[in-house]
């Protein structure tokens, strides 16, 4: 996983924890979910894309 993907994943986890613990900042829960989905998509694209070889 690239450095950018790792950073996005860490931010997503931090926002998920913050959004879950602090009720007044519940919008961070949705931001964390969105970032987690983006990180998963980036990981899958890189993982599936690395299996291909160019002729």
C-alpha atoms as a PDB file:
ATOM      1  CA  UNK A   1       0.000   0.000   0.000  1.00  0.00           C
ATOM      2  CA  UNK A   2       1.328   3.420  -0.865  1.00  0.00           C
ATOM      3  CA  UNK A   3       2.179   6.065   1.676  1.00  0.00           C
ATOM      4  CA  UNK A   4      -0.858   8.102   0.623  1.00  0.00           C
ATOM      5  CA  UNK A   5      -3.158   5.119   1.181  1.00  0.00           C
ATOM      6  CA  UNK A   6      -1.687   4.489   4.634  1.00  0.00           C
ATOM      7  CA  UNK A   7      -2.116   8.140   5.603  1.00  0.00           C
ATOM      8  CA  UNK A   8      -5.738   8.157   4.386  1.00  0.00           C
ATOM      9  CA  UNK A   9      -6.443   4.942   6.311  1.00  0.00           C
ATOM     10  CA  UNK A  10      -4.945   6.360   9.542  1.00  0.00           C
ATOM     11  CA  UNK A  11      -6.966   9.577   9.192  1.00  0.00           C
ATOM     12  CA  UNK A  12     -10.096   7.533   8.498  1.00  0.00           C
ATOM     13  CA  UNK A  13      -9.622   5.447  11.648  1.00  0.00           C
ATOM     14  CA  UNK A  14      -8.936   8.547  13.755  1.00  0.00           C
ATOM     15  CA  UNK A  15     -12.058  10.270  12.438  1.00  0.00           C
ATOM     16  CA  UNK A  16     -14.143   7.137  12.964  1.00  0.00           C
ATOM     17  CA  UNK A  17     -13.023   6.940  16.605  1.00  0.00           C
ATOM     18  CA  UNK A  18     -13.544  10.656  17.161  1.00  0.00           C
ATOM     19  CA  UNK A  19     -16.961  10.596  15.519  1.00  0.00           C
ATOM     20  CA  UNK A  20     -18.015   7.577  17.557  1.00  0.00           C
ATOM     21  CA  UNK A  21     -16.858   8.991  20.886  1.00  0.00           C
ATOM     22  CA  UNK A  22     -18.016  12.586  20.549  1.00  0.00           C
ATOM     23  CA  UNK A  23     -21.705  12.853  19.708  1.00  0.00           C
ATOM     24  CA  UNK A  24     -21.502  16.531  18.731  1.00  0.00           C
ATOM     25  CA  UNK A  25     -18.953  15.691  16.027  1.00  0.00           C
ATOM     26  CA  UNK A  26     -21.028  12.949  14.421  1.00  0.00           C
ATOM     27  CA  UNK A  27     -20.355  14.292  10.928  1.00  0.00           C
ATOM     28  CA  UNK A  28     -16.771  13.073  11.354  1.00  0.00           C
ATOM     29  CA  UNK A  29     -18.145   9.545  11.421  1.00  0.00           C
ATOM     30  CA  UNK A  30     -19.388   9.999   7.860  1.00  0.00           C
ATOM     31  CA  UNK A  31     -16.152  11.649   6.771  1.00  0.00           C
ATOM     32  CA  UNK A  32     -14.225   8.719   8.277  1.00  0.00           C
ATOM     33  CA  UNK A  33     -16.413   6.209   6.466  1.00  0.00           C
ATOM     34  CA  UNK A  34     -15.910   8.073   3.187  1.00  0.00           C
ATOM     35  CA  UNK A  35     -12.127   8.163   3.672  1.00  0.00           C
ATOM     36  CA  UNK A  36     -12.075   4.467   4.583  1.00  0.00           C
ATOM     37  CA  UNK A  37     -13.944   3.642   1.382  1.00  0.00           C
ATOM     38  CA  UNK A  38     -11.548   5.797  -0.653  1.00  0.00           C
ATOM     39  CA  UNK A  39      -8.550   4.097   0.986  1.00  0.00           C
ATOM     40  CA  UNK A  40     -10.026   0.663   0.229  1.00  0.00           C
ATOM     41  CA  UNK A  41     -10.630   1.609  -3.414  1.00  0.00           C
ATOM     42  CA  UNK A  42      -7.091   2.965  -3.774  1.00  0.00           C
ATOM     43  CA  UNK A  43      -5.698  -0.216  -2.233  1.00  0.00           C
ATOM     44  CA  UNK A  44      -7.769  -2.468  -4.508  1.00  0.00           C
ATOM     45  CA  UNK A  45      -6.844  -0.512  -7.633  1.00  0.00           C
ATOM     46  CA  UNK A  46      -3.158  -0.712  -6.764  1.00  0.00           C
ATOM     47  CA  UNK A  47      -3.392  -4.390  -5.774  1.00  0.00           C
ATOM     48  CA  UNK A  48      -5.298  -5.453  -8.876  1.00  0.00           C
ATOM     49  CA  UNK A  49      -3.295  -3.163 -11.138  1.00  0.00           C
ATOM     50  CA  UNK A  50       0.036  -4.522  -9.961  1.00  0.00           C
ATOM     51  CA  UNK A  51      -0.867  -8.024 -11.159  1.00  0.00           C
ATOM     52  CA  UNK A  52      -0.881  -6.930 -14.775  1.00  0.00           C
ATOM     53  CA  UNK A  53       2.315  -6.929 -16.800  1.00  0.00           C
ATOM     54  CA  UNK A  54       2.862  -4.682 -19.772  1.00  0.00           C
ATOM     55  CA  UNK A  55       4.138  -6.365 -22.954  1.00  0.00           C
END
